[in-house]
Amino acid sequence: MDKKITIAIDGFSSTGKSTLAKQLAKELGYVYVDTGAMYRAIALFAMQNGYIKEDFFDKEALVASLPTIRLQFKFNPDLGFAEMYLNEVNVEKEIRTIEVSRFVSKVAELSDVRAKLVEQQKEMGKNKGIVMDGRDIGTVVFPDAELKIFMTASASTRAQRRFDELQQKGDKVSYEEVLKNVEERDYIDTHRSNSPLVKAEDAVEIDNSYLTREEQFKAVLELIDEITKTI
C-alpha cells in the first residue's frame, strides 16, 4: 500500500467515524483529521462568548468573530493522536461534552463557518495520504477521493454508544437525553441547506449496527487494498 490515496469518511453522529479513521491512519501511516472537532471547537467558542444558548443564537456575531478563531491539531505522543487547540488552548476534553453536542449542528449550518473550515480541510489534504471524517468530506471537501465511506447505524444503537462513552467519562447524562440529541442532530445534519449530510453516489455504505470494530476495520482495509492495486 505504498500508493497514497485520500480516504473520506462521512456519516451520522456516533457511528464510530473517528475511531475507524484513527485506526486506518495508524495502520497506513496517514494523516488523520477529525473535522467534527473543528466544528465543535467553533461551537465551544460561540458558547464561551455568549453567542449561542438554548433559545438564542447570535449568528452575525459569531461570523464576525471567525477571523479571530485559530484552530490547530497538535499531536499528543502519549495518546497517539492529535488534539484540538482553540486559540492556543487545548480544548479536546471540552468539545466532547453533551453541552457542545447540543449546539454543534446549529453552528455547522452556517455557510461562513463551513466555508472557513472546508478551505482549511482542502489544504490539509492536497498531498493525499489523509483520512478525514465528517459530514461532507466525500461530497464537498474531497469529491475526487479514491475511497468514500458512508457510515450509519440505528439511532438507538448510536445513542447507547454515546451514552456509554459519556458515562465512562463521568458525565451526568441520561440515555433519553442522548437519544434526543442524536435524533435532533440527524435532522439538522440532513436538512440544512448548505452541504447537508448525504451519501455520495460512489460511497461504500457501512451499517455497523451489528459489526465489531475489528470486522469493520478489516473490511475497509480490504477495500483500500483493492483500490491501491488499480492506481
C-alpha atoms as a PDB file:
ATOM      1  CA  MET A   1       0.000   0.000   0.000  1.00  0.00           C
ATOM      2  CA  ASP A   2       2.750   2.449  -0.928  1.00  0.00           C
ATOM      3  CA  LYS A   3       0.404   4.436  -3.192  1.00  0.00           C
ATOM      4  CA  LYS A   4      -1.180   7.147  -1.077  1.00  0.00           C
ATOM      5  CA  ILE A   5      -4.854   7.883  -1.525  1.00  0.00           C
ATOM      6  CA  THR A   6      -7.482  10.142   0.039  1.00  0.00           C
ATOM      7  CA  ILE A   7      -9.993   8.428   2.322  1.00  0.00           C
ATOM      8  CA  ALA A   8     -13.221  10.330   3.043  1.00  0.00           C
ATOM      9  CA  ILE A   9     -15.462   9.031   5.824  1.00  0.00           C
ATOM     10  CA  ASP A  10     -18.914  10.539   6.234  1.00  0.00           C
ATOM     11  CA  GLY A  11     -21.943   9.518   8.227  1.00  0.00           C
ATOM     12  CA  PHE A  12     -24.274  10.159  11.110  1.00  0.00           C
ATOM     13  CA  SER A  13     -23.149  11.155  14.597  1.00  0.00           C
ATOM     14  CA  SER A  14     -21.826   8.415  16.888  1.00  0.00           C
ATOM     15  CA  THR A  15     -21.294   5.857  14.120  1.00  0.00           C
ATOM     16  CA  GLY A  16     -17.632   5.489  15.046  1.00  0.00           C
ATOM     17  CA  LYS A  17     -16.259   7.515  12.146  1.00  0.00           C
ATOM     18  CA  SER A  18     -13.370   8.897  14.190  1.00  0.00           C
ATOM     19  CA  THR A  19     -12.497   5.508  15.667  1.00  0.00           C
ATOM     20  CA  LEU A  20     -12.283   3.932  12.214  1.00  0.00           C
ATOM     21  CA  ALA A  21     -10.391   6.903  10.792  1.00  0.00           C
ATOM     22  CA  LYS A  22      -7.806   6.752  13.592  1.00  0.00           C
ATOM     23  CA  GLN A  23      -7.340   3.008  13.071  1.00  0.00           C
ATOM     24  CA  LEU A  24      -6.794   3.483   9.333  1.00  0.00           C
ATOM     25  CA  ALA A  25      -4.421   6.417   9.734  1.00  0.00           C
ATOM     26  CA  LYS A  26      -2.287   4.483  12.223  1.00  0.00           C
ATOM     27  CA  GLU A  27      -2.227   1.349  10.067  1.00  0.00           C
ATOM     28  CA  LEU A  28      -1.409   3.214   6.844  1.00  0.00           C
ATOM     29  CA  GLY A  29       0.822   5.949   8.270  1.00  0.00           C
ATOM     30  CA  TYR A  30      -1.633   8.579   7.029  1.00  0.00           C
ATOM     31  CA  VAL A  31      -2.585  11.966   8.451  1.00  0.00           C
ATOM     32  CA  TYR A  32      -5.885  11.876  10.346  1.00  0.00           C
ATOM     33  CA  VAL A  33      -8.196  14.890  10.507  1.00  0.00           C
ATOM     34  CA  ASP A  34     -11.316  14.939  12.690  1.00  0.00           C
ATOM     35  CA  THR A  35     -13.394  17.687  11.063  1.00  0.00           C
ATOM     36  CA  GLY A  36     -16.079  17.252  13.709  1.00  0.00           C
ATOM     37  CA  ALA A  37     -13.578  18.519  16.275  1.00  0.00           C
ATOM     38  CA  MET A  38     -13.157  21.679  14.202  1.00  0.00           C
ATOM     39  CA  TYR A  39     -16.899  22.407  14.206  1.00  0.00           C
ATOM     40  CA  ARG A  40     -17.115  21.513  17.880  1.00  0.00           C
ATOM     41  CA  ALA A  41     -14.316  23.969  18.666  1.00  0.00           C
ATOM     42  CA  ILE A  42     -16.190  26.784  16.947  1.00  0.00           C
ATOM     43  CA  ALA A  43     -19.363  25.799  18.826  1.00  0.00           C
ATOM     44  CA  LEU A  44     -17.365  25.946  22.077  1.00  0.00           C
ATOM     45  CA  PHE A  45     -16.057  29.389  21.099  1.00  0.00           C
ATOM     46  CA  ALA A  46     -19.636  30.547  20.484  1.00  0.00           C
ATOM     47  CA  MET A  47     -20.681  29.215  23.893  1.00  0.00           C
ATOM     48  CA  GLN A  48     -17.735  30.822  25.683  1.00  0.00           C
ATOM     49  CA  ASN A  49     -18.574  34.188  24.159  1.00  0.00           C
ATOM     50  CA  GLY A  50     -22.312  34.017  24.792  1.00  0.00           C
ATOM     51  CA  TYR A  51     -23.203  33.821  21.105  1.00  0.00           C
ATOM     52  CA  ILE A  52     -25.294  30.673  21.489  1.00  0.00           C
ATOM     53  CA  LYS A  53     -27.608  29.413  24.246  1.00  0.00           C
ATOM     54  CA  GLU A  54     -30.681  27.189  24.422  1.00  0.00           C
ATOM     55  CA  ASP A  55     -33.049  29.804  22.947  1.00  0.00           C
ATOM     56  CA  PHE A  56     -30.570  32.257  21.449  1.00  0.00           C
ATOM     57  CA  PHE A  57     -28.027  32.276  18.624  1.00  0.00           C
ATOM     58  CA  ASP A  58     -26.283  35.472  17.507  1.00  0.00           C
ATOM     59  CA  LYS A  59     -25.119  34.170  14.141  1.00  0.00           C
ATOM     60  CA  GLU A  60     -23.876  37.557  12.962  1.00  0.00           C
ATOM     61  CA  ALA A  61     -21.612  37.975  15.996  1.00  0.00           C
ATOM     62  CA  LEU A  62     -20.105  34.522  15.506  1.00  0.00           C
ATOM     63  CA  VAL A  63     -19.488  35.095  11.799  1.00  0.00           C
ATOM     64  CA  ALA A  64     -17.874  38.456  12.572  1.00  0.00           C
ATOM     65  CA  SER A  65     -15.551  36.716  15.050  1.00  0.00           C
ATOM     66  CA  LEU A  66     -14.412  33.969  12.658  1.00  0.00           C
ATOM     67  CA  PRO A  67     -11.173  35.781  11.667  1.00  0.00           C
ATOM     68  CA  THR A  68     -10.112  35.711  15.328  1.00  0.00           C
ATOM     69  CA  ILE A  69     -10.532  31.932  15.629  1.00  0.00           C
ATOM     70  CA  ARG A  70      -7.375  29.861  15.204  1.00  0.00           C
ATOM     71  CA  LEU A  71      -7.763  26.094  15.087  1.00  0.00           C
ATOM     72  CA  GLN A  72      -4.848  23.661  15.275  1.00  0.00           C
ATOM     73  CA  PHE A  73      -4.362  19.938  15.626  1.00  0.00           C
ATOM     74  CA  LYS A  74      -1.344  19.151  17.798  1.00  0.00           C
ATOM     75  CA  PHE A  75      -0.127  15.577  18.047  1.00  0.00           C
ATOM     76  CA  ASN A  76      -0.049  14.118  21.542  1.00  0.00           C
ATOM     77  CA  PRO A  77       2.519  11.277  21.586  1.00  0.00           C
ATOM     78  CA  ASP A  78       1.152   9.923  24.875  1.00  0.00           C
ATOM     79  CA  LEU A  79      -2.325   9.485  23.402  1.00  0.00           C
ATOM     80  CA  GLY A  80      -1.223   8.604  19.883  1.00  0.00           C
ATOM     81  CA  PHE A  81      -3.442  11.159  18.147  1.00  0.00           C
ATOM     82  CA  ALA A  82      -3.736  14.890  17.577  1.00  0.00           C
ATOM     83  CA  GLU A  83      -5.781  17.055  19.944  1.00  0.00           C
ATOM     84  CA  MET A  84      -7.774  20.157  19.076  1.00  0.00           C
ATOM     85  CA  TYR A  85      -6.466  23.561  20.117  1.00  0.00           C
ATOM     86  CA  LEU A  86      -8.647  26.669  20.035  1.00  0.00           C
ATOM     87  CA  ASN A  87      -6.621  29.877  20.029  1.00  0.00           C
ATOM     88  CA  GLU A  88      -3.619  28.029  21.510  1.00  0.00           C
ATOM     89  CA  VAL A  89      -5.675  26.330  24.261  1.00  0.00           C
ATOM     90  CA  ASN A  90      -6.181  22.549  24.355  1.00  0.00           C
ATOM     91  CA  VAL A  91      -9.957  22.045  24.246  1.00  0.00           C
ATOM     92  CA  GLU A  92     -10.050  18.335  23.369  1.00  0.00           C
ATOM     93  CA  LYS A  93     -11.965  17.437  26.537  1.00  0.00           C
ATOM     94  CA  GLU A  94     -14.321  20.428  26.487  1.00  0.00           C
ATOM     95  CA  ILE A  95     -15.501  19.875  22.904  1.00  0.00           C
ATOM     96  CA  ARG A  96     -16.649  16.298  23.620  1.00  0.00           C
ATOM     97  CA  THR A  97     -19.322  17.236  26.167  1.00  0.00           C
ATOM     98  CA  ILE A  98     -23.065  16.846  25.662  1.00  0.00           C
ATOM     99  CA  GLU A  99     -23.363  20.643  26.006  1.00  0.00           C
ATOM    100  CA  VAL A 100     -21.248  21.200  22.899  1.00  0.00           C
ATOM    101  CA  SER A 101     -23.113  18.386  21.126  1.00  0.00           C
ATOM    102  CA  ARG A 102     -26.357  20.317  21.606  1.00  0.00           C
ATOM    103  CA  PHE A 103     -25.105  23.255  19.572  1.00  0.00           C
ATOM    104  CA  VAL A 104     -22.563  21.909  17.085  1.00  0.00           C
ATOM    105  CA  SER A 105     -25.056  21.091  14.295  1.00  0.00           C
ATOM    106  CA  LYS A 106     -26.576  24.585  14.523  1.00  0.00           C
ATOM    107  CA  VAL A 107     -23.131  26.156  14.232  1.00  0.00           C
ATOM    108  CA  ALA A 108     -22.199  23.830  11.358  1.00  0.00           C
ATOM    109  CA  GLU A 109     -25.267  25.030   9.416  1.00  0.00           C
ATOM    110  CA  LEU A 110     -23.704  28.465   8.911  1.00  0.00           C
ATOM    111  CA  SER A 111     -22.317  28.956   5.397  1.00  0.00           C
ATOM    112  CA  ASP A 112     -19.484  31.194   6.600  1.00  0.00           C
ATOM    113  CA  VAL A 113     -18.356  28.633   9.165  1.00  0.00           C
ATOM    114  CA  ARG A 114     -18.393  25.821   6.621  1.00  0.00           C
ATOM    115  CA  ALA A 115     -16.538  27.908   4.043  1.00  0.00           C
ATOM    116  CA  LYS A 116     -13.764  28.723   6.528  1.00  0.00           C
ATOM    117  CA  LEU A 117     -13.308  25.117   7.600  1.00  0.00           C
ATOM    118  CA  VAL A 118     -13.687  23.490   4.174  1.00  0.00           C
ATOM    119  CA  GLU A 119     -10.925  25.742   2.856  1.00  0.00           C
ATOM    120  CA  GLN A 120      -8.619  24.579   5.657  1.00  0.00           C
ATOM    121  CA  GLN A 121      -9.600  20.940   5.140  1.00  0.00           C
ATOM    122  CA  LYS A 122      -8.899  21.028   1.392  1.00  0.00           C
ATOM    123  CA  GLU A 123      -5.458  22.485   2.098  1.00  0.00           C
ATOM    124  CA  MET A 124      -4.714  19.713   4.627  1.00  0.00           C
ATOM    125  CA  GLY A 125      -5.408  17.015   2.044  1.00  0.00           C
ATOM    126  CA  LYS A 126      -3.720  18.393  -1.041  1.00  0.00           C
ATOM    127  CA  ASN A 127      -0.873  15.852  -0.849  1.00  0.00           C
ATOM    128  CA  LYS A 128      -3.123  12.803  -0.286  1.00  0.00           C
ATOM    129  CA  GLY A 129      -2.187  10.226   2.350  1.00  0.00           C
ATOM    130  CA  ILE A 130      -5.021  11.510   4.538  1.00  0.00           C
ATOM    131  CA  VAL A 131      -8.042  10.083   6.335  1.00  0.00           C
ATOM    132  CA  MET A 132     -10.704  12.687   7.063  1.00  0.00           C
ATOM    133  CA  ASP A 133     -14.085  12.152   8.673  1.00  0.00           C
ATOM    134  CA  GLY A 134     -17.128  14.381   8.935  1.00  0.00           C
ATOM    135  CA  ARG A 135     -20.446  15.083   7.233  1.00  0.00           C
ATOM    136  CA  ASP A 136     -19.477  16.413   3.788  1.00  0.00           C
ATOM    137  CA  ILE A 137     -15.988  15.066   3.141  1.00  0.00           C
ATOM    138  CA  GLY A 138     -16.847  12.870   0.170  1.00  0.00           C
ATOM    139  CA  THR A 139     -19.390  15.284  -1.271  1.00  0.00           C
ATOM    140  CA  VAL A 140     -17.766  18.705  -0.745  1.00  0.00           C
ATOM    141  CA  VAL A 141     -14.233  18.594   0.663  1.00  0.00           C
ATOM    142  CA  PHE A 142     -12.821  15.701  -1.390  1.00  0.00           C
ATOM    143  CA  PRO A 143     -15.330  14.839  -4.141  1.00  0.00           C
ATOM    144  CA  ASP A 144     -12.496  13.078  -6.006  1.00  0.00           C
ATOM    145  CA  ALA A 145     -11.370  10.927  -3.067  1.00  0.00           C
ATOM    146  CA  GLU A 146     -10.322   7.430  -4.124  1.00  0.00           C
ATOM    147  CA  LEU A 147     -12.296   5.878  -1.264  1.00  0.00           C
ATOM    148  CA  LYS A 148     -15.508   7.263   0.186  1.00  0.00           C
ATOM    149  CA  ILE A 149     -17.236   5.561   3.086  1.00  0.00           C
ATOM    150  CA  PHE A 150     -20.675   6.419   4.444  1.00  0.00           C
ATOM    151  CA  MET A 151     -21.329   5.104   7.944  1.00  0.00           C
ATOM    152  CA  THR A 152     -24.713   4.563   9.522  1.00  0.00           C
ATOM    153  CA  ALA A 153     -26.415   2.702  12.367  1.00  0.00           C
ATOM    154  CA  SER A 154     -29.779   2.887  14.100  1.00  0.00           C
ATOM    155  CA  ALA A 155     -30.388   5.947  16.283  1.00  0.00           C
ATOM    156  CA  SER A 156     -30.897   3.772  19.362  1.00  0.00           C
ATOM    157  CA  THR A 157     -27.607   1.942  18.795  1.00  0.00           C
ATOM    158  CA  ARG A 158     -25.735   5.188  18.321  1.00  0.00           C
ATOM    159  CA  ALA A 159     -27.338   6.771  21.383  1.00  0.00           C
ATOM    160  CA  GLN A 160     -26.349   3.792  23.520  1.00  0.00           C
ATOM    161  CA  ARG A 161     -22.744   4.024  22.315  1.00  0.00           C
ATOM    162  CA  ARG A 162     -22.618   7.737  23.028  1.00  0.00           C
ATOM    163  CA  PHE A 163     -24.286   7.284  26.415  1.00  0.00           C
ATOM    164  CA  ASP A 164     -21.774   4.601  27.435  1.00  0.00           C
ATOM    165  CA  GLU A 165     -18.911   6.815  26.320  1.00  0.00           C
ATOM    166  CA  LEU A 166     -20.154   9.789  28.342  1.00  0.00           C
ATOM    167  CA  GLN A 167     -20.805   7.603  31.374  1.00  0.00           C
ATOM    168  CA  GLN A 168     -17.227   6.344  31.267  1.00  0.00           C
ATOM    169  CA  LYS A 169     -16.034   9.951  31.288  1.00  0.00           C
ATOM    170  CA  GLY A 170     -18.149  10.650  34.365  1.00  0.00           C
ATOM    171  CA  ASP A 171     -20.670  12.914  32.637  1.00  0.00           C
ATOM    172  CA  LYS A 172     -24.083  13.051  34.309  1.00  0.00           C
ATOM    173  CA  VAL A 173     -26.496  12.453  31.450  1.00  0.00           C
ATOM    174  CA  SER A 174     -29.499  10.199  30.764  1.00  0.00           C
ATOM    175  CA  TYR A 175     -29.904   7.822  27.824  1.00  0.00           C
ATOM    176  CA  GLU A 176     -33.110   9.648  26.820  1.00  0.00           C
ATOM    177  CA  GLU A 177     -31.222  12.943  26.686  1.00  0.00           C
ATOM    178  CA  VAL A 178     -28.521  11.426  24.476  1.00  0.00           C
ATOM    179  CA  LEU A 179     -31.077   9.795  22.157  1.00  0.00           C
ATOM    180  CA  LYS A 180     -32.910  13.104  21.765  1.00  0.00           C
ATOM    181  CA  ASN A 181     -29.610  14.810  20.909  1.00  0.00           C
ATOM    182  CA  VAL A 182     -28.741  12.137  18.332  1.00  0.00           C
ATOM    183  CA  GLU A 183     -32.144  12.460  16.651  1.00  0.00           C
ATOM    184  CA  GLU A 184     -32.017  16.269  16.642  1.00  0.00           C
ATOM    185  CA  ARG A 185     -28.536  16.267  15.130  1.00  0.00           C
ATOM    186  CA  ASP A 186     -29.624  13.772  12.478  1.00  0.00           C
ATOM    187  CA  TYR A 187     -32.488  16.062  11.458  1.00  0.00           C
ATOM    188  CA  ILE A 188     -30.365  19.214  11.342  1.00  0.00           C
ATOM    189  CA  ASP A 189     -27.477  17.500   9.536  1.00  0.00           C
ATOM    190  CA  THR A 190     -29.706  16.044   6.826  1.00  0.00           C
ATOM    191  CA  HIS A 191     -31.979  19.068   6.353  1.00  0.00           C
ATOM    192  CA  ARG A 192     -29.586  22.015   6.333  1.00  0.00           C
ATOM    193  CA  SER A 193     -29.468  23.945   3.062  1.00  0.00           C
ATOM    194  CA  ASN A 194     -25.670  24.133   2.936  1.00  0.00           C
ATOM    195  CA  SER A 195     -23.809  20.828   2.468  1.00  0.00           C
ATOM    196  CA  PRO A 196     -26.408  18.525   4.050  1.00  0.00           C
ATOM    197  CA  LEU A 197     -25.378  15.061   5.149  1.00  0.00           C
ATOM    198  CA  VAL A 198     -25.960  12.793   2.144  1.00  0.00           C
ATOM    199  CA  LYS A 199     -24.289   9.666   0.876  1.00  0.00           C
ATOM    200  CA  ALA A 200     -22.048  10.348  -2.115  1.00  0.00           C
ATOM    201  CA  GLU A 201     -23.116   8.332  -5.163  1.00  0.00           C
ATOM    202  CA  ASP A 202     -19.807   6.465  -5.237  1.00  0.00           C
ATOM    203  CA  ALA A 203     -19.509   5.928  -1.471  1.00  0.00           C
ATOM    204  CA  VAL A 204     -19.476   2.495   0.137  1.00  0.00           C
ATOM    205  CA  GLU A 205     -22.184   2.361   2.808  1.00  0.00           C
ATOM    206  CA  ILE A 206     -21.404   0.555   6.054  1.00  0.00           C
ATOM    207  CA  ASP A 207     -24.172  -0.096   8.572  1.00  0.00           C
ATOM    208  CA  ASN A 208     -22.224  -1.028  11.674  1.00  0.00           C
ATOM    209  CA  SER A 209     -25.206  -1.591  13.994  1.00  0.00           C
ATOM    210  CA  TYR A 210     -24.076  -5.195  14.413  1.00  0.00           C
ATOM    211  CA  LEU A 211     -20.427  -5.064  13.319  1.00  0.00           C
ATOM    212  CA  THR A 212     -17.473  -5.150  15.688  1.00  0.00           C
ATOM    213  CA  ARG A 213     -14.733  -2.559  15.259  1.00  0.00           C
ATOM    214  CA  GLU A 214     -12.398  -5.316  14.111  1.00  0.00           C
ATOM    215  CA  GLU A 215     -14.810  -6.594  11.451  1.00  0.00           C
ATOM    216  CA  GLN A 216     -15.363  -3.085  10.150  1.00  0.00           C
ATOM    217  CA  PHE A 217     -11.643  -2.262  10.132  1.00  0.00           C
ATOM    218  CA  LYS A 218     -10.778  -5.454   8.231  1.00  0.00           C
ATOM    219  CA  ALA A 219     -13.482  -4.824   5.626  1.00  0.00           C
ATOM    220  CA  VAL A 220     -12.260  -1.282   4.930  1.00  0.00           C
ATOM    221  CA  LEU A 221      -8.613  -2.380   4.725  1.00  0.00           C
ATOM    222  CA  GLU A 222      -9.655  -4.856   2.035  1.00  0.00           C
ATOM    223  CA  LEU A 223     -11.350  -2.036   0.111  1.00  0.00           C
ATOM    224  CA  ILE A 224      -8.192   0.077   0.334  1.00  0.00           C
ATOM    225  CA  ASP A 225      -6.072  -2.828  -0.873  1.00  0.00           C
ATOM    226  CA  GLU A 226      -8.330  -3.289  -3.894  1.00  0.00           C
ATOM    227  CA  ILE A 227      -8.183   0.430  -4.751  1.00  0.00           C
ATOM    228  CA  THR A 228      -4.400   0.785  -4.420  1.00  0.00           C
ATOM    229  CA  LYS A 229      -3.915  -2.165  -6.795  1.00  0.00           C
ATOM    230  CA  THR A 230      -5.753  -0.308  -9.552  1.00  0.00           C
ATOM    231  CA  ILE A 231      -3.943   3.053  -9.389  1.00  0.00           C
END
